[in-house]
Amino acid sequence: MVKMNVWEATKAADIPNNFKLISSTWAMKKKSNGTFRARVNARGFMQVPGEHFNSDCISSPVTNEATIRVVMVLSVVFGWANQLVDVKGAFLCGNF
């Protein structure tokens, strides 16, 4: 995570007094090969709309296997060109 620059550490002194931190918890799962998978979960129930996030900018682009198959079939039938796109800022609500 450090190598890919996924997160940034912030000192407590850099956080304004009128802001409240959102705590997190670790979720661990043991894989079948004996190794562990770990992830950090932010406690979203502590978030306040307008303070921790912009309520006008909530999106969750998701898909499932059936949708991908339908799009692939349509692309073959209609001769569409397929292209893979990875949007790194999909959840940041930034201007692209």
N, C-alpha and C. Protein backbone atom coordinates (compact mmCIF):
# COMPACT_ATOMS: atom_id res chain seq x y z
N MET A 1 0.81 -1.18 0.00
CA MET A 1 0.00 0.00 0.00
C MET A 1 0.86 1.26 0.00
N VAL A 2 1.98 1.20 0.67
CA VAL A 2 2.88 2.35 0.69
C VAL A 2 3.52 2.51 -0.69
N LYS A 3 3.92 1.41 -1.29
CA LYS A 3 4.57 1.44 -2.61
C LYS A 3 3.65 2.04 -3.68
N MET A 4 2.36 1.73 -3.62
CA MET A 4 1.40 2.22 -4.61
C MET A 4 0.80 3.57 -4.22
N ASN A 5 1.23 4.12 -3.09
CA ASN A 5 0.78 5.43 -2.61
C ASN A 5 -0.75 5.48 -2.48
N VAL A 6 -1.30 4.46 -1.81
CA VAL A 6 -2.75 4.34 -1.65
C VAL A 6 -3.28 5.27 -0.57
N TRP A 7 -2.50 5.52 0.44
CA TRP A 7 -2.95 6.35 1.54
C TRP A 7 -1.85 7.31 1.95
N GLU A 8 -2.22 8.27 2.76
CA GLU A 8 -1.27 9.29 3.21
C GLU A 8 -1.45 9.47 4.72
N ALA A 9 -0.37 9.36 5.45
CA ALA A 9 -0.43 9.54 6.90
C ALA A 9 -0.57 11.03 7.23
N THR A 10 -1.39 11.32 8.22
CA THR A 10 -1.62 12.70 8.65
C THR A 10 -1.35 12.79 10.14
N LYS A 11 -0.63 13.80 10.54
CA LYS A 11 -0.36 14.00 11.96
C LYS A 11 -1.60 14.59 12.63
N ALA A 12 -1.82 14.22 13.87
CA ALA A 12 -2.98 14.72 14.61
C ALA A 12 -2.94 16.24 14.75
N ALA A 13 -1.74 16.81 14.80
CA ALA A 13 -1.61 18.26 14.94
C ALA A 13 -2.08 19.00 13.68
N ASP A 14 -2.09 18.32 12.52
CA ASP A 14 -2.50 18.94 11.25
C ASP A 14 -4.01 18.95 11.05
N ILE A 15 -4.76 18.29 11.92
CA ILE A 15 -6.21 18.21 11.78
C ILE A 15 -6.84 19.39 12.52
N PRO A 16 -7.70 20.17 11.86
CA PRO A 16 -8.34 21.32 12.53
C PRO A 16 -9.16 20.88 13.75
N ASN A 17 -9.28 21.76 14.70
CA ASN A 17 -9.99 21.46 15.96
C ASN A 17 -11.46 21.16 15.75
N ASN A 18 -12.09 21.74 14.72
CA ASN A 18 -13.52 21.54 14.52
C ASN A 18 -13.84 20.27 13.75
N PHE A 19 -12.84 19.44 13.43
CA PHE A 19 -13.07 18.19 12.72
C PHE A 19 -12.93 17.02 13.66
N LYS A 20 -13.77 16.02 13.44
CA LYS A 20 -13.71 14.81 14.23
C LYS A 20 -13.22 13.67 13.33
N LEU A 21 -12.25 12.92 13.80
CA LEU A 21 -11.71 11.82 13.01
C LEU A 21 -12.70 10.66 12.96
N ILE A 22 -12.68 9.95 11.85
CA ILE A 22 -13.50 8.75 11.71
C ILE A 22 -12.60 7.57 12.02
N SER A 23 -13.01 6.77 12.97
CA SER A 23 -12.18 5.63 13.37
C SER A 23 -12.33 4.50 12.34
N SER A 24 -11.46 3.53 12.47
CA SER A 24 -11.49 2.39 11.55
C SER A 24 -11.24 1.11 12.32
N THR A 25 -11.46 0.01 11.67
CA THR A 25 -11.25 -1.30 12.26
C THR A 25 -10.65 -2.23 11.22
N TRP A 26 -9.92 -3.23 11.65
CA TRP A 26 -9.32 -4.20 10.74
C TRP A 26 -10.23 -5.42 10.61
N ALA A 27 -10.32 -5.95 9.41
CA ALA A 27 -11.04 -7.19 9.16
C ALA A 27 -10.03 -8.20 8.63
N MET A 28 -9.89 -9.31 9.30
CA MET A 28 -8.92 -10.34 8.90
C MET A 28 -9.68 -11.60 8.48
N LYS A 29 -9.18 -12.23 7.42
CA LYS A 29 -9.78 -13.47 6.95
C LYS A 29 -8.66 -14.44 6.61
N LYS A 30 -8.79 -15.66 7.07
CA LYS A 30 -7.76 -16.68 6.79
C LYS A 30 -8.09 -17.37 5.47
N LYS A 31 -7.12 -17.37 4.56
CA LYS A 31 -7.30 -18.01 3.26
C LYS A 31 -7.09 -19.52 3.40
N SER A 32 -7.47 -20.25 2.35
CA SER A 32 -7.35 -21.70 2.37
C SER A 32 -5.89 -22.17 2.42
N ASN A 33 -4.96 -21.34 1.93
CA ASN A 33 -3.55 -21.74 1.94
C ASN A 33 -2.85 -21.37 3.25
N GLY A 34 -3.57 -20.84 4.23
CA GLY A 34 -3.02 -20.53 5.53
C GLY A 34 -2.59 -19.09 5.71
N THR A 35 -2.54 -18.31 4.63
CA THR A 35 -2.18 -16.90 4.75
C THR A 35 -3.42 -16.09 5.12
N PHE A 36 -3.20 -14.84 5.48
CA PHE A 36 -4.30 -13.99 5.89
C PHE A 36 -4.52 -12.87 4.89
N ARG A 37 -5.76 -12.47 4.77
CA ARG A 37 -6.13 -11.30 3.98
C ARG A 37 -6.63 -10.26 4.97
N ALA A 38 -6.10 -9.06 4.88
CA ALA A 38 -6.49 -8.02 5.82
C ALA A 38 -6.97 -6.79 5.07
N ARG A 39 -7.93 -6.10 5.64
CA ARG A 39 -8.38 -4.84 5.07
C ARG A 39 -8.81 -3.92 6.20
N VAL A 40 -8.76 -2.63 5.91
CA VAL A 40 -9.16 -1.62 6.88
C VAL A 40 -10.54 -1.11 6.49
N ASN A 41 -11.44 -1.09 7.44
CA ASN A 41 -12.80 -0.60 7.20
C ASN A 41 -13.02 0.68 8.00
N ALA A 42 -13.37 1.75 7.29
CA ALA A 42 -13.73 2.99 7.97
C ALA A 42 -15.14 2.83 8.52
N ARG A 43 -15.38 3.38 9.66
CA ARG A 43 -16.71 3.29 10.27
C ARG A 43 -17.58 4.41 9.71
N GLY A 44 -18.27 4.09 8.62
CA GLY A 44 -19.05 5.07 7.89
C GLY A 44 -20.21 5.66 8.66
N PHE A 45 -20.70 4.96 9.67
CA PHE A 45 -21.84 5.47 10.44
C PHE A 45 -21.46 6.72 11.23
N MET A 46 -20.16 7.00 11.35
CA MET A 46 -19.71 8.19 12.07
C MET A 46 -19.65 9.43 11.16
N GLN A 47 -19.85 9.24 9.84
CA GLN A 47 -19.74 10.34 8.91
C GLN A 47 -20.95 11.26 8.99
N VAL A 48 -20.69 12.54 8.81
CA VAL A 48 -21.74 13.56 8.82
C VAL A 48 -21.83 14.14 7.42
N PRO A 49 -23.03 14.07 6.76
CA PRO A 49 -23.17 14.63 5.42
C PRO A 49 -22.83 16.12 5.40
N GLY A 50 -22.06 16.53 4.40
CA GLY A 50 -21.65 17.92 4.30
C GLY A 50 -20.36 18.23 5.04
N GLU A 51 -20.02 17.40 6.02
CA GLU A 51 -18.77 17.60 6.76
C GLU A 51 -17.69 16.64 6.28
N HIS A 52 -18.03 15.36 6.21
CA HIS A 52 -17.06 14.34 5.79
C HIS A 52 -17.17 13.99 4.31
N PHE A 53 -18.28 14.28 3.69
CA PHE A 53 -18.45 14.00 2.26
C PHE A 53 -19.50 14.93 1.70
N ASN A 54 -19.44 15.12 0.38
CA ASN A 54 -20.41 15.96 -0.32
C ASN A 54 -21.58 15.07 -0.73
N SER A 55 -22.76 15.31 -0.22
CA SER A 55 -23.90 14.44 -0.50
C SER A 55 -24.35 14.52 -1.95
N ASP A 56 -23.93 15.55 -2.70
CA ASP A 56 -24.27 15.64 -4.12
C ASP A 56 -23.36 14.77 -4.98
N CYS A 57 -22.33 14.23 -4.38
CA CYS A 57 -21.30 13.53 -5.14
C CYS A 57 -21.15 12.09 -4.66
N ILE A 58 -22.27 11.41 -4.49
CA ILE A 58 -22.22 10.02 -4.04
C ILE A 58 -22.50 9.13 -5.24
N SER A 59 -21.55 8.28 -5.57
CA SER A 59 -21.76 7.33 -6.65
C SER A 59 -21.00 6.05 -6.33
N SER A 60 -21.51 4.99 -6.83
CA SER A 60 -20.88 3.70 -6.64
C SER A 60 -20.97 2.92 -7.94
N PRO A 61 -20.03 3.15 -8.86
CA PRO A 61 -20.08 2.44 -10.13
C PRO A 61 -19.76 0.96 -9.92
N VAL A 62 -20.77 0.14 -10.08
CA VAL A 62 -20.60 -1.30 -9.90
C VAL A 62 -21.17 -2.03 -11.10
N THR A 63 -20.76 -3.24 -11.25
CA THR A 63 -21.30 -4.09 -12.31
C THR A 63 -21.22 -5.53 -11.82
N ASN A 64 -21.85 -6.41 -12.54
CA ASN A 64 -21.76 -7.82 -12.21
C ASN A 64 -21.40 -8.61 -13.47
N GLU A 65 -21.21 -9.88 -13.31
CA GLU A 65 -20.75 -10.73 -14.41
C GLU A 65 -21.76 -10.75 -15.56
N ALA A 66 -23.04 -10.76 -15.26
CA ALA A 66 -24.07 -10.80 -16.30
C ALA A 66 -24.02 -9.55 -17.18
N THR A 67 -23.81 -8.39 -16.58
CA THR A 67 -23.72 -7.15 -17.34
C THR A 67 -22.52 -7.16 -18.28
N ILE A 68 -21.40 -7.64 -17.80
CA ILE A 68 -20.20 -7.71 -18.63
C ILE A 68 -20.43 -8.66 -19.80
N ARG A 69 -21.08 -9.79 -19.56
CA ARG A 69 -21.35 -10.74 -20.64
C ARG A 69 -22.29 -10.15 -21.69
N VAL A 70 -23.31 -9.43 -21.25
CA VAL A 70 -24.24 -8.81 -22.20
C VAL A 70 -23.52 -7.79 -23.07
N VAL A 71 -22.68 -6.97 -22.46
CA VAL A 71 -21.94 -5.97 -23.22
C VAL A 71 -20.98 -6.64 -24.20
N MET A 72 -20.34 -7.72 -23.80
CA MET A 72 -19.43 -8.43 -24.71
C MET A 72 -20.18 -9.04 -25.88
N VAL A 73 -21.35 -9.62 -25.63
CA VAL A 73 -22.15 -10.19 -26.71
C VAL A 73 -22.61 -9.10 -27.66
N LEU A 74 -23.08 -7.97 -27.12
CA LEU A 74 -23.50 -6.86 -27.97
C LEU A 74 -22.35 -6.33 -28.81
N SER A 75 -21.15 -6.29 -28.24
CA SER A 75 -20.01 -5.80 -29.00
C SER A 75 -19.64 -6.73 -30.14
N VAL A 76 -19.83 -8.03 -29.95
CA VAL A 76 -19.57 -8.99 -31.03
C VAL A 76 -20.65 -8.87 -32.11
N VAL A 77 -21.90 -8.81 -31.69
CA VAL A 77 -23.01 -8.76 -32.65
C VAL A 77 -22.96 -7.48 -33.49
N PHE A 78 -22.69 -6.34 -32.86
CA PHE A 78 -22.70 -5.07 -33.58
C PHE A 78 -21.32 -4.62 -34.06
N GLY A 79 -20.28 -5.41 -33.79
CA GLY A 79 -18.94 -5.08 -34.25
C GLY A 79 -18.32 -3.89 -33.53
N TRP A 80 -18.68 -3.69 -32.28
CA TRP A 80 -18.13 -2.58 -31.51
C TRP A 80 -16.69 -2.88 -31.12
N ALA A 81 -15.87 -1.86 -31.00
CA ALA A 81 -14.49 -2.02 -30.53
C ALA A 81 -14.48 -1.98 -29.00
N ASN A 82 -13.82 -2.93 -28.40
CA ASN A 82 -13.73 -2.98 -26.93
C ASN A 82 -12.45 -2.31 -26.47
N GLN A 83 -12.53 -1.62 -25.34
CA GLN A 83 -11.37 -0.95 -24.79
C GLN A 83 -11.46 -0.97 -23.27
N LEU A 84 -10.36 -1.29 -22.63
CA LEU A 84 -10.32 -1.33 -21.17
C LEU A 84 -9.89 0.04 -20.66
N VAL A 85 -10.65 0.58 -19.72
CA VAL A 85 -10.34 1.88 -19.14
C VAL A 85 -10.31 1.73 -17.63
N ASP A 86 -9.26 2.22 -17.01
CA ASP A 86 -9.15 2.20 -15.56
C ASP A 86 -9.13 3.65 -15.08
N VAL A 87 -10.17 4.06 -14.38
CA VAL A 87 -10.27 5.42 -13.87
C VAL A 87 -9.86 5.41 -12.41
N LYS A 88 -8.71 5.97 -12.11
CA LYS A 88 -8.19 5.95 -10.73
C LYS A 88 -8.97 6.86 -9.81
N GLY A 89 -9.57 7.92 -10.33
CA GLY A 89 -10.27 8.88 -9.49
C GLY A 89 -11.77 8.70 -9.52
N ALA A 90 -12.25 7.49 -9.70
CA ALA A 90 -13.69 7.26 -9.87
C ALA A 90 -14.51 7.70 -8.66
N PHE A 91 -13.95 7.59 -7.46
CA PHE A 91 -14.73 7.91 -6.26
C PHE A 91 -14.32 9.26 -5.67
N LEU A 92 -13.49 10.01 -6.37
CA LEU A 92 -13.01 11.27 -5.81
C LEU A 92 -13.87 12.46 -6.20
N CYS A 93 -14.80 12.27 -7.11
CA CYS A 93 -15.69 13.33 -7.56
C CYS A 93 -14.90 14.51 -8.12
N GLY A 94 -13.81 14.24 -8.77
CA GLY A 94 -12.99 15.29 -9.35
C GLY A 94 -13.42 15.61 -10.77
N ASN A 95 -12.90 16.68 -11.30
CA ASN A 95 -13.18 17.04 -12.69
C ASN A 95 -12.16 16.34 -13.58
N PHE A 96 -12.65 15.65 -14.57
CA PHE A 96 -11.76 14.93 -15.49
C PHE A 96 -11.68 15.66 -16.80
